[in-house]
Amino acid sequence: MLTSTTDSVPGRSVADVLGLVMGNTVRSKNVGKDIGAGLKSIVGGELKSYTAMLTEARQEAVARMVESATSLGADAVINVRFTTSAITEGAAELLAYGTAVKLT
């Protein structure tokens, strides 16, 4: 399925808007990652374990959004956006959302 952050698809027209679709995941950090991140913050640099965790979370959220769009019979999801929010201390939600559409 085509996903796009734009409101249109070059060379295609939106024939029907099927509605808002979303996919989310909630992830928590663990003690091992926290210790490593704490040490890394002393010397600076990328926190690779957190980068990997967030990359995986984005992929899961997009997959769930696409699954929702597929169930509506969509050809594409346009205006895709991401947002995050803290759920509890040490846990965050990553949400992907967009507009499911049929294209011509």
N, C-alpha and C. Protein backbone atom coordinates (compact mmCIF):
# COMPACT_ATOMS: atom_id res chain seq x y z
N MET A 1 0.85 -1.18 0.00
CA MET A 1 0.00 0.00 0.00
C MET A 1 0.89 1.24 0.00
N LEU A 2 0.47 2.21 -0.75
CA LEU A 2 1.17 3.48 -0.84
C LEU A 2 0.86 4.31 0.41
N THR A 3 1.90 4.84 1.02
CA THR A 3 1.73 5.80 2.12
C THR A 3 2.51 7.05 1.76
N SER A 4 1.94 8.20 2.09
CA SER A 4 2.56 9.46 1.72
C SER A 4 2.30 10.53 2.77
N THR A 5 3.28 11.38 2.98
CA THR A 5 3.09 12.51 3.89
C THR A 5 2.44 13.69 3.18
N THR A 6 2.26 13.58 1.87
CA THR A 6 1.63 14.65 1.11
C THR A 6 0.12 14.43 1.03
N ASP A 7 -0.60 15.45 0.58
CA ASP A 7 -2.06 15.33 0.50
C ASP A 7 -2.54 14.84 -0.86
N SER A 8 -1.61 14.46 -1.71
CA SER A 8 -1.98 13.93 -3.02
C SER A 8 -0.89 12.96 -3.48
N VAL A 9 -1.21 12.23 -4.55
CA VAL A 9 -0.26 11.30 -5.14
C VAL A 9 -0.04 11.75 -6.58
N PRO A 10 1.17 12.11 -6.95
CA PRO A 10 1.42 12.59 -8.32
C PRO A 10 0.93 11.58 -9.36
N GLY A 11 0.18 12.09 -10.33
CA GLY A 11 -0.33 11.25 -11.41
C GLY A 11 -1.59 10.48 -11.07
N ARG A 12 -2.07 10.61 -9.85
CA ARG A 12 -3.29 9.91 -9.41
C ARG A 12 -4.24 10.92 -8.80
N SER A 13 -5.51 10.58 -8.80
CA SER A 13 -6.53 11.44 -8.17
C SER A 13 -7.20 10.67 -7.05
N VAL A 14 -7.60 11.40 -6.02
CA VAL A 14 -8.35 10.79 -4.93
C VAL A 14 -9.80 10.65 -5.39
N ALA A 15 -10.26 9.40 -5.50
CA ALA A 15 -11.62 9.13 -5.92
C ALA A 15 -12.58 9.13 -4.74
N ASP A 16 -12.09 8.68 -3.59
CA ASP A 16 -12.95 8.57 -2.42
C ASP A 16 -12.10 8.64 -1.15
N VAL A 17 -12.57 9.40 -0.19
CA VAL A 17 -11.92 9.47 1.11
C VAL A 17 -12.64 8.48 2.03
N LEU A 18 -11.90 7.52 2.55
CA LEU A 18 -12.50 6.47 3.38
C LEU A 18 -12.45 6.78 4.86
N GLY A 19 -11.61 7.72 5.24
CA GLY A 19 -11.58 8.14 6.64
C GLY A 19 -10.21 8.06 7.27
N LEU A 20 -10.19 8.45 8.53
CA LEU A 20 -8.98 8.47 9.33
C LEU A 20 -8.58 7.04 9.69
N VAL A 21 -7.30 6.73 9.55
CA VAL A 21 -6.77 5.45 10.00
C VAL A 21 -5.59 5.70 10.92
N MET A 22 -5.43 4.82 11.90
CA MET A 22 -4.38 4.98 12.89
C MET A 22 -3.73 3.64 13.20
N GLY A 23 -2.53 3.72 13.68
CA GLY A 23 -1.84 2.56 14.22
C GLY A 23 -0.94 3.05 15.33
N ASN A 24 -0.89 2.30 16.43
CA ASN A 24 -0.06 2.75 17.53
C ASN A 24 0.65 1.59 18.20
N THR A 25 1.62 1.93 19.00
CA THR A 25 2.32 0.98 19.85
C THR A 25 2.83 1.73 21.06
N VAL A 26 2.86 1.04 22.17
CA VAL A 26 3.39 1.62 23.41
C VAL A 26 4.65 0.83 23.76
N ARG A 27 5.73 1.53 23.97
CA ARG A 27 7.01 0.90 24.27
C ARG A 27 7.54 1.43 25.60
N SER A 28 8.24 0.56 26.29
CA SER A 28 8.89 0.99 27.53
C SER A 28 10.37 0.66 27.46
N LYS A 29 11.13 1.44 28.12
CA LYS A 29 12.56 1.18 28.18
C LYS A 29 12.84 0.18 29.30
N ASN A 30 14.02 -0.45 29.25
CA ASN A 30 14.35 -1.39 30.32
C ASN A 30 15.60 -0.93 31.05
N VAL A 31 15.86 -1.56 32.16
CA VAL A 31 16.97 -1.14 33.02
C VAL A 31 18.31 -1.18 32.27
N GLY A 32 18.52 -2.21 31.48
CA GLY A 32 19.78 -2.31 30.73
C GLY A 32 19.97 -1.14 29.79
N LYS A 33 18.91 -0.76 29.07
CA LYS A 33 19.00 0.38 28.16
C LYS A 33 19.20 1.68 28.93
N ASP A 34 18.53 1.79 30.09
CA ASP A 34 18.68 3.00 30.90
C ASP A 34 20.10 3.17 31.40
N ILE A 35 20.71 2.09 31.85
CA ILE A 35 22.09 2.17 32.35
C ILE A 35 23.03 2.57 31.22
N GLY A 36 22.87 1.91 30.07
CA GLY A 36 23.72 2.25 28.92
C GLY A 36 23.51 3.68 28.46
N ALA A 37 22.25 4.13 28.45
CA ALA A 37 21.96 5.50 28.04
C ALA A 37 22.54 6.51 29.03
N GLY A 38 22.46 6.17 30.31
CA GLY A 38 23.01 7.06 31.33
C GLY A 38 24.51 7.22 31.17
N LEU A 39 25.19 6.12 30.90
CA LEU A 39 26.64 6.20 30.69
C LEU A 39 26.97 6.97 29.41
N LYS A 40 26.20 6.72 28.36
CA LYS A 40 26.44 7.40 27.09
C LYS A 40 26.20 8.90 27.23
N SER A 41 25.24 9.30 28.06
CA SER A 41 24.94 10.73 28.20
C SER A 41 26.10 11.47 28.85
N ILE A 42 26.95 10.76 29.56
CA ILE A 42 28.12 11.40 30.18
C ILE A 42 29.11 11.83 29.11
N VAL A 43 29.34 10.97 28.12
CA VAL A 43 30.33 11.27 27.08
C VAL A 43 29.70 11.83 25.81
N GLY A 44 28.40 11.73 25.68
CA GLY A 44 27.71 12.24 24.50
C GLY A 44 27.64 11.22 23.39
N GLY A 45 26.80 11.48 22.41
CA GLY A 45 26.67 10.61 21.26
C GLY A 45 25.28 10.01 21.15
N GLU A 46 25.11 9.24 20.11
CA GLU A 46 23.81 8.62 19.82
C GLU A 46 23.52 7.49 20.79
N LEU A 47 22.28 7.42 21.24
CA LEU A 47 21.82 6.32 22.08
C LEU A 47 21.22 5.26 21.15
N LYS A 48 22.07 4.39 20.63
CA LYS A 48 21.68 3.47 19.57
C LYS A 48 20.57 2.52 19.98
N SER A 49 20.54 2.10 21.23
CA SER A 49 19.47 1.19 21.65
C SER A 49 18.11 1.89 21.60
N TYR A 50 18.08 3.17 21.95
CA TYR A 50 16.82 3.92 21.86
C TYR A 50 16.45 4.21 20.41
N THR A 51 17.44 4.51 19.58
CA THR A 51 17.18 4.73 18.16
C THR A 51 16.55 3.48 17.55
N ALA A 52 17.12 2.33 17.86
CA ALA A 52 16.57 1.07 17.34
C ALA A 52 15.16 0.82 17.85
N MET A 53 14.92 1.11 19.13
CA MET A 53 13.59 0.90 19.71
C MET A 53 12.56 1.81 19.03
N LEU A 54 12.91 3.06 18.79
CA LEU A 54 11.97 3.98 18.15
C LEU A 54 11.75 3.64 16.68
N THR A 55 12.79 3.18 16.00
CA THR A 55 12.64 2.75 14.61
C THR A 55 11.66 1.59 14.53
N GLU A 56 11.82 0.62 15.41
CA GLU A 56 10.91 -0.52 15.45
C GLU A 56 9.48 -0.08 15.78
N ALA A 57 9.35 0.86 16.70
CA ALA A 57 8.02 1.36 17.09
C ALA A 57 7.35 2.06 15.91
N ARG A 58 8.09 2.87 15.16
CA ARG A 58 7.51 3.54 13.99
C ARG A 58 7.05 2.52 12.96
N GLN A 59 7.88 1.51 12.70
CA GLN A 59 7.52 0.48 11.72
C GLN A 59 6.25 -0.27 12.15
N GLU A 60 6.14 -0.59 13.43
CA GLU A 60 4.96 -1.29 13.93
C GLU A 60 3.72 -0.41 13.83
N ALA A 61 3.84 0.87 14.18
CA ALA A 61 2.70 1.78 14.11
C ALA A 61 2.23 1.94 12.66
N VAL A 62 3.17 2.08 11.72
CA VAL A 62 2.79 2.20 10.30
C VAL A 62 2.12 0.91 9.82
N ALA A 63 2.66 -0.23 10.19
CA ALA A 63 2.06 -1.51 9.77
C ALA A 63 0.62 -1.62 10.28
N ARG A 64 0.37 -1.20 11.49
CA ARG A 64 -0.99 -1.24 12.05
C ARG A 64 -1.90 -0.24 11.35
N MET A 65 -1.37 0.93 10.99
CA MET A 65 -2.16 1.92 10.26
C MET A 65 -2.53 1.36 8.89
N VAL A 66 -1.57 0.77 8.20
CA VAL A 66 -1.82 0.18 6.87
C VAL A 66 -2.83 -0.95 6.97
N GLU A 67 -2.74 -1.76 8.01
CA GLU A 67 -3.72 -2.83 8.22
C GLU A 67 -5.13 -2.27 8.35
N SER A 68 -5.25 -1.17 9.08
CA SER A 68 -6.55 -0.51 9.24
C SER A 68 -7.06 0.01 7.90
N ALA A 69 -6.17 0.61 7.11
CA ALA A 69 -6.56 1.14 5.79
C ALA A 69 -6.95 0.00 4.85
N THR A 70 -6.23 -1.08 4.90
CA THR A 70 -6.54 -2.24 4.06
C THR A 70 -7.92 -2.78 4.37
N SER A 71 -8.27 -2.81 5.64
CA SER A 71 -9.59 -3.32 6.03
C SER A 71 -10.72 -2.43 5.51
N LEU A 72 -10.41 -1.18 5.19
CA LEU A 72 -11.42 -0.27 4.60
C LEU A 72 -11.44 -0.35 3.07
N GLY A 73 -10.49 -1.09 2.49
CA GLY A 73 -10.40 -1.18 1.04
C GLY A 73 -9.62 -0.05 0.40
N ALA A 74 -8.76 0.59 1.15
CA ALA A 74 -8.00 1.74 0.65
C ALA A 74 -6.89 1.30 -0.29
N ASP A 75 -6.54 2.21 -1.20
CA ASP A 75 -5.38 2.04 -2.08
C ASP A 75 -4.15 2.72 -1.51
N ALA A 76 -4.39 3.74 -0.67
CA ALA A 76 -3.29 4.54 -0.15
C ALA A 76 -3.70 5.21 1.15
N VAL A 77 -2.69 5.66 1.89
CA VAL A 77 -2.90 6.51 3.06
C VAL A 77 -2.09 7.77 2.81
N ILE A 78 -2.79 8.90 2.78
CA ILE A 78 -2.13 10.18 2.54
C ILE A 78 -2.12 11.01 3.83
N ASN A 79 -1.34 12.07 3.80
CA ASN A 79 -1.20 12.96 4.97
C ASN A 79 -0.74 12.19 6.21
N VAL A 80 0.17 11.25 6.03
CA VAL A 80 0.65 10.45 7.16
C VAL A 80 1.45 11.32 8.12
N ARG A 81 1.16 11.16 9.39
CA ARG A 81 1.85 11.91 10.44
C ARG A 81 2.18 10.96 11.59
N PHE A 82 3.13 11.38 12.42
CA PHE A 82 3.52 10.64 13.62
C PHE A 82 3.41 11.56 14.81
N THR A 83 3.07 10.98 15.94
CA THR A 83 3.08 11.72 17.19
C THR A 83 3.46 10.77 18.31
N THR A 84 4.01 11.32 19.36
CA THR A 84 4.35 10.52 20.54
C THR A 84 3.77 11.17 21.77
N SER A 85 3.55 10.36 22.79
CA SER A 85 3.10 10.88 24.07
C SER A 85 3.56 9.96 25.18
N ALA A 86 3.84 10.55 26.32
CA ALA A 86 4.23 9.77 27.49
C ALA A 86 2.98 9.14 28.09
N ILE A 87 3.06 7.85 28.37
CA ILE A 87 1.93 7.14 28.98
C ILE A 87 2.13 7.07 30.49
N THR A 88 3.28 6.59 30.90
CA THR A 88 3.68 6.55 32.31
C THR A 88 5.17 6.84 32.35
N GLU A 89 5.72 6.88 33.52
CA GLU A 89 7.17 7.03 33.67
C GLU A 89 7.85 5.86 32.97
N GLY A 90 8.63 6.15 31.94
CA GLY A 90 9.37 5.09 31.26
C GLY A 90 8.63 4.42 30.11
N ALA A 91 7.43 4.87 29.76
CA ALA A 91 6.70 4.27 28.64
C ALA A 91 6.10 5.38 27.77
N ALA A 92 6.15 5.16 26.46
CA ALA A 92 5.63 6.16 25.53
C ALA A 92 4.86 5.48 24.40
N GLU A 93 3.88 6.20 23.89
CA GLU A 93 3.11 5.73 22.74
C GLU A 93 3.63 6.42 21.49
N LEU A 94 3.73 5.66 20.41
CA LEU A 94 4.01 6.23 19.11
C LEU A 94 2.78 5.95 18.25
N LEU A 95 2.21 6.99 17.66
CA LEU A 95 0.99 6.89 16.87
C LEU A 95 1.28 7.36 15.45
N ALA A 96 0.88 6.53 14.48
CA ALA A 96 0.92 6.92 13.06
C ALA A 96 -0.53 7.08 12.62
N TYR A 97 -0.82 8.16 11.89
CA TYR A 97 -2.19 8.36 11.42
C TYR A 97 -2.18 9.05 10.07
N GLY A 98 -3.27 8.86 9.35
CA GLY A 98 -3.40 9.47 8.04
C GLY A 98 -4.82 9.28 7.51
N THR A 99 -5.01 9.63 6.25
CA THR A 99 -6.31 9.53 5.61
C THR A 99 -6.28 8.40 4.60
N ALA A 100 -7.16 7.43 4.79
CA ALA A 100 -7.29 6.31 3.86
C ALA A 100 -8.09 6.77 2.65
N VAL A 101 -7.58 6.47 1.45
CA VAL A 101 -8.25 6.91 0.22
C VAL A 101 -8.25 5.82 -0.83
N LYS A 102 -9.20 5.95 -1.75
CA LYS A 102 -9.22 5.17 -3.00
C LYS A 102 -8.71 6.11 -4.07
N LEU A 103 -7.83 5.58 -4.93
CA LEU A 103 -7.24 6.39 -6.00
C LEU A 103 -7.78 5.96 -7.36
N THR A 104 -7.73 6.90 -8.31
CA THR A 104 -8.05 6.56 -9.71
C THR A 104 -6.80 6.70 -10.53
